[in-house]
Amino acid sequence: MDWNRVEGNWKQWTGKIKEQWADLTDEELNKIAGKREQLEGKLQERYGKAKDMVRKDVEDWLKTLH
């Protein structure tokens, strides 16, 4: 799955995102509004991971989507 599909249907994907990254709040997800860079930045902040690791985590998550 490519990010454009996630971004275009952001509200539908927020549940799956919360399953993967439960520490993100609904308010944060609303502010992110489908922007991948903002999601990755928030994940870095929330989970204390390096940027390249967060990017890999998001890529791996995208591969699990149908």
N, C-alpha and C. Protein backbone atom coordinates (compact mmCIF):
# COMPACT_ATOMS: atom_id res chain seq x y z
N MET A 1 0.86 -1.16 0.00
CA MET A 1 0.00 0.00 0.00
C MET A 1 0.90 1.22 0.00
N ASP A 2 0.49 2.24 -0.73
CA ASP A 2 1.29 3.45 -0.73
C ASP A 2 0.65 4.49 0.19
N TRP A 3 1.46 5.44 0.63
CA TRP A 3 1.01 6.42 1.61
C TRP A 3 -0.13 7.28 1.09
N ASN A 4 -0.19 7.55 -0.21
CA ASN A 4 -1.25 8.39 -0.76
C ASN A 4 -2.63 7.83 -0.43
N ARG A 5 -2.77 6.52 -0.45
CA ARG A 5 -4.06 5.91 -0.11
C ARG A 5 -4.39 6.09 1.37
N VAL A 6 -3.37 5.97 2.21
CA VAL A 6 -3.58 6.19 3.64
C VAL A 6 -3.98 7.64 3.89
N GLU A 7 -3.23 8.56 3.29
CA GLU A 7 -3.51 9.98 3.48
C GLU A 7 -4.91 10.35 2.99
N GLY A 8 -5.29 9.80 1.84
CA GLY A 8 -6.59 10.11 1.27
C GLY A 8 -7.77 9.60 2.08
N ASN A 9 -7.55 8.56 2.85
CA ASN A 9 -8.60 7.96 3.68
C ASN A 9 -8.19 7.95 5.15
N TRP A 10 -7.60 9.03 5.58
CA TRP A 10 -6.99 9.10 6.91
C TRP A 10 -7.93 8.68 8.02
N LYS A 11 -9.14 9.18 8.02
CA LYS A 11 -10.08 8.87 9.11
C LYS A 11 -10.35 7.37 9.19
N GLN A 12 -10.37 6.68 8.05
CA GLN A 12 -10.60 5.24 8.04
C GLN A 12 -9.41 4.47 8.61
N TRP A 13 -8.21 5.03 8.47
CA TRP A 13 -7.00 4.33 8.89
C TRP A 13 -6.61 4.62 10.33
N THR A 14 -7.21 5.62 10.95
CA THR A 14 -6.77 5.98 12.30
C THR A 14 -6.94 4.83 13.30
N GLY A 15 -7.95 4.02 13.13
CA GLY A 15 -8.12 2.86 14.02
C GLY A 15 -6.97 1.88 13.91
N LYS A 16 -6.55 1.61 12.69
CA LYS A 16 -5.41 0.70 12.48
C LYS A 16 -4.13 1.31 13.03
N ILE A 17 -3.99 2.62 12.89
CA ILE A 17 -2.80 3.29 13.40
C ILE A 17 -2.78 3.20 14.92
N LYS A 18 -3.94 3.39 15.54
CA LYS A 18 -4.00 3.28 17.01
C LYS A 18 -3.74 1.86 17.48
N GLU A 19 -4.10 0.87 16.68
CA GLU A 19 -3.79 -0.52 17.04
C GLU A 19 -2.27 -0.72 17.05
N GLN A 20 -1.60 -0.13 16.08
CA GLN A 20 -0.15 -0.28 15.96
C GLN A 20 0.61 0.57 16.98
N TRP A 21 0.16 1.82 17.15
CA TRP A 21 0.83 2.78 18.03
C TRP A 21 -0.20 3.34 19.01
N ALA A 22 -0.49 2.57 20.04
CA ALA A 22 -1.58 2.88 20.97
C ALA A 22 -1.36 4.15 21.78
N ASP A 23 -0.12 4.62 21.88
CA ASP A 23 0.14 5.83 22.67
C ASP A 23 -0.29 7.11 21.97
N LEU A 24 -0.63 7.05 20.70
CA LEU A 24 -1.08 8.25 19.99
C LEU A 24 -2.53 8.54 20.36
N THR A 25 -2.83 9.80 20.59
CA THR A 25 -4.19 10.19 20.97
C THR A 25 -5.01 10.54 19.72
N ASP A 26 -6.32 10.56 19.89
CA ASP A 26 -7.20 10.97 18.80
C ASP A 26 -6.88 12.40 18.37
N GLU A 27 -6.61 13.26 19.33
CA GLU A 27 -6.28 14.65 19.02
C GLU A 27 -5.01 14.74 18.17
N GLU A 28 -4.00 13.96 18.53
CA GLU A 28 -2.76 13.96 17.75
C GLU A 28 -3.01 13.45 16.34
N LEU A 29 -3.80 12.39 16.22
CA LEU A 29 -4.10 11.85 14.91
C LEU A 29 -4.87 12.85 14.05
N ASN A 30 -5.77 13.60 14.67
CA ASN A 30 -6.49 14.64 13.93
C ASN A 30 -5.55 15.73 13.44
N LYS A 31 -4.59 16.12 14.26
CA LYS A 31 -3.62 17.14 13.86
C LYS A 31 -2.70 16.63 12.75
N ILE A 32 -2.34 15.37 12.81
CA ILE A 32 -1.46 14.77 11.79
C ILE A 32 -2.16 14.78 10.44
N ALA A 33 -3.44 14.49 10.43
CA ALA A 33 -4.30 14.59 9.24
C ALA A 33 -3.71 13.94 7.99
N GLY A 34 -3.06 12.80 8.18
CA GLY A 34 -2.57 12.05 7.04
C GLY A 34 -1.17 12.41 6.57
N LYS A 35 -0.54 13.37 7.18
CA LYS A 35 0.80 13.79 6.79
C LYS A 35 1.82 12.82 7.37
N ARG A 36 2.49 12.10 6.50
CA ARG A 36 3.42 11.07 6.95
C ARG A 36 4.55 11.64 7.81
N GLU A 37 5.11 12.77 7.39
CA GLU A 37 6.22 13.36 8.15
C GLU A 37 5.78 13.72 9.57
N GLN A 38 4.55 14.22 9.69
CA GLN A 38 4.05 14.56 11.02
C GLN A 38 3.82 13.31 11.86
N LEU A 39 3.33 12.26 11.23
CA LEU A 39 3.15 11.00 11.96
C LEU A 39 4.50 10.49 12.44
N GLU A 40 5.48 10.48 11.55
CA GLU A 40 6.80 9.99 11.94
C GLU A 40 7.41 10.84 13.05
N GLY A 41 7.23 12.16 12.97
CA GLY A 41 7.74 13.03 14.02
C GLY A 41 7.08 12.76 15.37
N LYS A 42 5.78 12.55 15.34
CA LYS A 42 5.05 12.28 16.58
C LYS A 42 5.47 10.92 17.15
N LEU A 43 5.70 9.94 16.28
CA LEU A 43 6.16 8.63 16.75
C LEU A 43 7.54 8.73 17.37
N GLN A 44 8.42 9.53 16.77
CA GLN A 44 9.75 9.75 17.35
C GLN A 44 9.62 10.34 18.75
N GLU A 45 8.78 11.35 18.87
CA GLU A 45 8.58 12.03 20.14
C GLU A 45 7.99 11.09 21.19
N ARG A 46 6.96 10.36 20.80
CA ARG A 46 6.22 9.52 21.74
C ARG A 46 7.02 8.28 22.17
N TYR A 47 7.73 7.66 21.21
CA TYR A 47 8.40 6.40 21.51
C TYR A 47 9.90 6.52 21.67
N GLY A 48 10.46 7.72 21.44
CA GLY A 48 11.89 7.95 21.65
C GLY A 48 12.79 7.17 20.72
N LYS A 49 12.35 6.98 19.49
CA LYS A 49 13.14 6.25 18.51
C LYS A 49 13.79 7.21 17.53
N ALA A 50 14.85 6.73 16.89
CA ALA A 50 15.54 7.52 15.87
C ALA A 50 14.67 7.63 14.62
N LYS A 51 14.89 8.69 13.86
CA LYS A 51 14.08 8.97 12.67
C LYS A 51 14.10 7.80 11.68
N ASP A 52 15.28 7.23 11.43
CA ASP A 52 15.35 6.13 10.47
C ASP A 52 14.62 4.89 10.96
N MET A 53 14.61 4.66 12.27
CA MET A 53 13.89 3.51 12.82
C MET A 53 12.38 3.72 12.70
N VAL A 54 11.92 4.93 12.98
CA VAL A 54 10.50 5.23 12.85
C VAL A 54 10.06 5.09 11.41
N ARG A 55 10.87 5.57 10.49
CA ARG A 55 10.55 5.46 9.06
C ARG A 55 10.41 3.98 8.67
N LYS A 56 11.31 3.13 9.16
CA LYS A 56 11.23 1.70 8.88
C LYS A 56 9.96 1.10 9.50
N ASP A 57 9.64 1.51 10.71
CA ASP A 57 8.42 1.01 11.36
C ASP A 57 7.18 1.35 10.54
N VAL A 58 7.11 2.57 10.03
CA VAL A 58 5.96 2.98 9.22
C VAL A 58 5.94 2.19 7.91
N GLU A 59 7.09 2.00 7.28
CA GLU A 59 7.16 1.20 6.05
C GLU A 59 6.69 -0.22 6.30
N ASP A 60 7.16 -0.81 7.39
CA ASP A 60 6.76 -2.19 7.73
C ASP A 60 5.25 -2.25 7.98
N TRP A 61 4.70 -1.24 8.63
CA TRP A 61 3.26 -1.19 8.89
C TRP A 61 2.48 -1.10 7.57
N LEU A 62 2.97 -0.27 6.67
CA LEU A 62 2.29 -0.12 5.37
C LEU A 62 2.24 -1.46 4.62
N LYS A 63 3.29 -2.25 4.74
CA LYS A 63 3.34 -3.54 4.04
C LYS A 63 2.30 -4.53 4.58
N THR A 64 1.83 -4.30 5.81
CA THR A 64 0.85 -5.23 6.40
C THR A 64 -0.58 -4.90 5.98
N LEU A 65 -0.78 -3.72 5.37
CA LEU A 65 -2.12 -3.28 5.00
C LEU A 65 -2.56 -3.92 3.69
N HIS A 66 -3.84 -4.16 3.57
CA HIS A 66 -4.36 -4.76 2.33
C HIS A 66 -5.18 -3.74 1.60
